[in-house]
Amino acid sequence: MVSIRNRTRNTEMDILMGKLSLIDLAGSERGTVTENRGIRLLEGAKINRSLLALANCINALGDRSKRGFFVPYRDSKLTRLLKDSLGGNCKTVMISNIAPSSS
């Protein structure tokens, strides 16, 4: 969080606040294709779980028929961190780099 406060006494204070979240989800490929083993395989599985939880949150927020229903923010650490960015009164931009897999 970044906050700016005017320190002059007896004046109106303008407070500007912002939040920037940069999240790198590299390594979420299929384990069988990349032949990862051990820790890297577990790391890829956790990233895939977080991506699934993020997709579930975005789907719940975007479905107009379920307006006001439960949004599963608690399903992963990623969605907990992004809770106010996804569901709050803010502007959110998601940038993704998707490449075709080689067969």
Protein backbone atom coordinates (compact mmCIF):
# COMPACT_ATOMS: atom_id res chain seq x y z
CA MET A 1 0.00 0.00 0.00
CA VAL A 2 1.14 3.50 -0.76
CA SER A 3 -0.47 6.40 1.03
CA ILE A 4 0.24 10.12 0.72
CA ARG A 5 -0.88 12.55 3.42
CA ASN A 6 -0.61 16.31 3.57
CA ARG A 7 1.08 17.25 6.89
CA THR A 8 -0.10 20.87 7.02
CA ARG A 9 -2.37 21.50 10.02
CA ASN A 10 -5.92 22.83 9.74
CA THR A 11 -6.26 21.93 6.08
CA GLU A 12 -8.23 19.30 4.30
CA MET A 13 -6.31 16.10 3.78
CA ASP A 14 -6.33 14.30 0.49
CA ILE A 15 -5.33 10.68 0.87
CA LEU A 16 -4.40 8.69 -2.20
CA MET A 17 -4.03 4.94 -1.85
CA GLY A 18 -3.10 2.31 -4.36
CA LYS A 19 -2.29 -1.36 -4.54
CA LEU A 20 -0.19 -3.13 -7.13
CA SER A 21 -0.07 -6.93 -7.30
CA LEU A 22 2.41 -8.60 -9.62
CA ILE A 23 2.03 -12.36 -9.75
CA ASP A 24 4.17 -14.71 -11.79
CA LEU A 25 2.51 -18.05 -12.48
CA ALA A 26 5.27 -19.47 -14.65
CA GLY A 27 5.73 -23.20 -14.44
CA SER A 28 2.11 -24.29 -14.66
CA GLU A 29 2.65 -26.71 -17.50
CA ARG A 30 1.61 -30.34 -17.57
CA GLY A 31 3.91 -32.49 -15.47
CA THR A 32 3.91 -35.38 -17.91
CA VAL A 33 4.96 -33.23 -20.84
CA THR A 34 7.79 -31.42 -19.04
CA GLU A 35 8.89 -34.56 -17.19
CA ASN A 36 9.28 -32.64 -13.93
CA ARG A 37 9.96 -34.70 -10.83
CA GLY A 38 10.00 -34.05 -7.11
CA ILE A 39 9.71 -30.49 -5.89
CA ARG A 40 9.14 -28.97 -9.34
CA LEU A 41 6.25 -31.35 -9.99
CA LEU A 42 4.63 -30.38 -6.68
CA GLU A 43 5.20 -26.69 -7.39
CA GLY A 44 3.50 -27.01 -10.79
CA ALA A 45 0.56 -28.83 -9.20
CA LYS A 46 0.13 -26.04 -6.61
CA ILE A 47 0.25 -23.40 -9.35
CA ASN A 48 -2.40 -25.27 -11.31
CA ARG A 49 -4.59 -25.48 -8.19
CA SER A 50 -4.23 -21.74 -7.67
CA LEU A 51 -5.13 -21.06 -11.30
CA LEU A 52 -8.24 -23.22 -10.94
CA ALA A 53 -9.25 -21.34 -7.79
CA LEU A 54 -8.68 -18.01 -9.57
CA ALA A 55 -10.83 -19.18 -12.50
CA ASN A 56 -13.59 -20.22 -10.07
CA CYS A 57 -13.54 -16.76 -8.43
CA ILE A 58 -13.62 -14.95 -11.76
CA ASN A 59 -16.49 -17.15 -12.97
CA ALA A 60 -18.46 -16.56 -9.75
CA LEU A 61 -17.94 -12.78 -10.01
CA GLY A 62 -18.83 -12.67 -13.71
CA ASP A 63 -21.99 -14.78 -13.60
CA ARG A 64 -24.89 -12.32 -13.40
CA SER A 65 -27.37 -15.02 -12.35
CA LYS A 66 -25.31 -15.68 -9.18
CA ARG A 67 -25.03 -12.02 -8.16
CA GLY A 68 -24.56 -11.82 -4.38
CA PHE A 69 -23.73 -15.52 -3.99
CA PHE A 70 -20.63 -17.03 -2.42
CA VAL A 71 -17.28 -16.31 -4.11
CA PRO A 72 -14.61 -18.90 -3.17
CA TYR A 73 -11.74 -16.56 -2.21
CA ARG A 74 -10.47 -18.94 0.49
CA ASP A 75 -9.63 -21.77 -1.90
CA SER A 76 -6.02 -20.66 -2.41
CA LYS A 77 -3.45 -18.17 -1.19
CA LEU A 78 -3.53 -16.49 -4.60
CA THR A 79 -7.25 -15.68 -4.43
CA ARG A 80 -6.89 -14.49 -0.83
CA LEU A 81 -4.18 -12.05 -1.89
CA LEU A 82 -6.22 -10.82 -4.84
CA LYS A 83 -9.57 -10.63 -3.01
CA ASP A 84 -9.80 -6.84 -2.88
CA SER A 85 -8.42 -6.52 -6.40
CA LEU A 86 -11.00 -8.90 -7.84
CA GLY A 87 -14.14 -8.09 -5.88
CA GLY A 88 -13.60 -4.53 -4.73
CA ASN A 89 -14.31 -1.22 -6.38
CA CYS A 90 -11.15 -1.15 -8.46
CA LYS A 91 -9.74 -1.49 -11.93
CA THR A 92 -8.07 -4.82 -12.66
CA VAL A 93 -5.95 -5.78 -15.63
CA MET A 94 -4.81 -9.31 -16.29
CA ILE A 95 -2.03 -9.91 -18.80
CA SER A 96 -1.27 -13.41 -19.97
CA ASN A 97 1.29 -14.87 -22.32
CA ILE A 98 -0.01 -18.08 -23.90
CA ALA A 99 2.03 -20.12 -26.31
CA PRO A 100 0.92 -23.22 -28.22
CA SER A 101 2.41 -26.46 -26.99
CA SER A 102 4.64 -28.39 -29.35
CA SER A 103 3.33 -31.82 -30.25
